[in-house]
Amino acid sequence: MAPERILGGLDLKQEKSTCKSDIWSLGVIIYFLVFGSLPFKGTSVSKLIKCIQKNKLTFEMRGVSPSVSLLLDLLSKMLVTQPDQRIDAANALNHKFLTTSFAIKET
């Protein structure tokens, strides 16, 4: 669940707010699929929320390929605690990871 939904202050009638929450959720899903764990960790719900609030997102990978580096960049923009600073759907779709890694090459 996106931090703004946990902490309140989200107007669910505003489409932009809901879309930013969806970006967060998608970022969590992608992170889990790639790393096999959740991006934020806590031994209790309150510790997890504090970790999310502090935006303690770290990637413990060295010597990764350029495409993985691009993925990590995209994830770091999707998993920003403040929704107004989080990447939006249009910019996410135009992120270099998606435009170069999955580009269909014409022959």
Protein backbone atom coordinates (compact mmCIF):
# COMPACT_ATOMS: atom_id res chain seq x y z
CA MET A 1 0.00 0.00 0.00
CA ALA A 2 1.36 3.43 -0.92
CA PRO A 3 2.60 5.60 1.96
CA GLU A 4 0.01 8.29 1.29
CA ARG A 5 -2.75 5.71 1.74
CA ILE A 6 -1.25 4.42 4.98
CA LEU A 7 -0.66 7.89 6.43
CA GLY A 8 -3.89 9.44 5.17
CA GLY A 9 -4.19 12.74 3.38
CA LEU A 10 -5.00 11.11 0.05
CA ASP A 11 -8.03 12.31 -1.82
CA LEU A 12 -9.19 9.13 -3.53
CA LYS A 13 -11.35 11.18 -5.88
CA GLN A 14 -8.29 12.81 -7.43
CA GLU A 15 -7.17 10.69 -10.34
CA LYS A 16 -3.58 11.97 -10.14
CA SER A 17 -3.27 10.86 -6.50
CA THR A 18 -4.64 7.41 -7.28
CA CYS A 19 -2.29 7.00 -10.26
CA LYS A 20 0.73 7.89 -8.13
CA SER A 21 -0.38 5.24 -5.62
CA ASP A 22 -0.56 2.73 -8.45
CA ILE A 23 2.99 3.65 -9.52
CA TRP A 24 4.18 2.94 -5.95
CA SER A 25 2.39 -0.43 -5.92
CA LEU A 26 3.83 -1.39 -9.29
CA GLY A 27 7.30 -0.44 -8.07
CA VAL A 28 6.88 -2.73 -5.04
CA ILE A 29 5.71 -5.59 -7.28
CA ILE A 30 8.61 -5.16 -9.73
CA TYR A 31 11.10 -4.95 -6.85
CA PHE A 32 9.70 -8.18 -5.37
CA LEU A 33 9.84 -9.98 -8.71
CA VAL A 34 13.46 -8.94 -9.29
CA PHE A 35 14.90 -9.30 -5.78
CA GLY A 36 12.56 -11.82 -4.14
CA SER A 37 11.94 -9.58 -1.14
CA LEU A 38 10.05 -6.43 -0.32
CA PRO A 39 11.83 -3.09 -0.83
CA PHE A 40 11.24 -1.86 2.72
CA LYS A 41 11.73 -3.99 5.77
CA GLY A 42 10.55 -3.81 9.36
CA THR A 43 10.01 -6.28 12.18
CA SER A 44 6.61 -4.72 12.90
CA VAL A 45 4.10 -2.63 10.99
CA SER A 46 5.16 0.54 12.82
CA LYS A 47 8.85 -0.10 12.00
CA LEU A 48 7.95 -0.79 8.39
CA ILE A 49 6.02 2.48 8.16
CA LYS A 50 8.97 4.37 9.68
CA CYS A 51 11.31 2.79 7.14
CA ILE A 52 8.98 3.81 4.31
CA GLN A 53 8.67 7.35 5.69
CA LYS A 54 12.47 7.68 5.78
CA ASN A 55 12.55 6.33 2.22
CA LYS A 56 15.33 3.90 3.13
CA LEU A 57 15.48 2.14 -0.22
CA THR A 58 18.81 0.53 -0.95
CA PHE A 59 20.04 -1.75 -3.67
CA GLU A 60 22.83 -4.03 -2.56
CA MET A 61 24.16 -5.01 -5.96
CA ARG A 62 27.60 -4.43 -7.40
CA GLY A 63 28.81 -4.81 -10.94
CA VAL A 64 25.36 -4.87 -12.48
CA SER A 65 24.72 -4.61 -16.20
CA PRO A 66 23.63 -1.31 -17.76
CA SER A 67 20.04 -2.57 -18.14
CA VAL A 68 19.87 -3.53 -14.45
CA SER A 69 21.25 -0.09 -13.54
CA LEU A 70 18.43 1.46 -15.57
CA LEU A 71 15.89 -0.76 -13.79
CA LEU A 72 17.25 0.33 -10.41
CA ASP A 73 16.98 3.96 -11.50
CA LEU A 74 13.35 3.45 -12.52
CA LEU A 75 12.53 1.68 -9.24
CA SER A 76 14.17 4.46 -7.23
CA LYS A 77 11.86 6.94 -9.00
CA MET A 78 8.76 4.77 -8.49
CA LEU A 79 9.38 4.13 -4.79
CA VAL A 80 9.60 7.74 -3.65
CA THR A 81 7.63 8.33 -0.46
CA GLN A 82 6.24 11.74 -1.46
CA PRO A 83 3.69 11.25 -4.26
CA ASP A 84 4.34 14.69 -5.77
CA GLN A 85 8.00 13.71 -6.25
CA ARG A 86 7.24 10.20 -7.55
CA ILE A 87 7.51 9.52 -11.27
CA ASP A 88 4.19 9.58 -13.11
CA ALA A 89 2.94 6.92 -15.52
CA ALA A 90 3.86 8.77 -18.71
CA ASN A 91 7.43 9.41 -17.57
CA ALA A 92 7.74 5.84 -16.29
CA LEU A 93 6.68 4.48 -19.67
CA ASN A 94 9.24 6.75 -21.33
CA HIS A 95 12.02 5.82 -18.91
CA LYS A 96 15.19 4.63 -20.60
CA PHE A 97 14.87 1.17 -19.04
CA LEU A 98 11.62 0.53 -20.91
CA THR A 99 12.53 2.33 -24.11
CA THR A 100 15.93 0.66 -24.54
CA SER A 101 15.55 -2.72 -22.84
CA PHE A 102 12.32 -3.68 -24.52
CA ALA A 103 12.51 -1.63 -27.71
CA ILE A 104 11.37 -3.48 -30.80
CA LYS A 105 14.10 -3.21 -33.37
CA GLU A 106 12.98 -2.88 -36.95
CA THR A 107 14.82 -4.96 -39.53
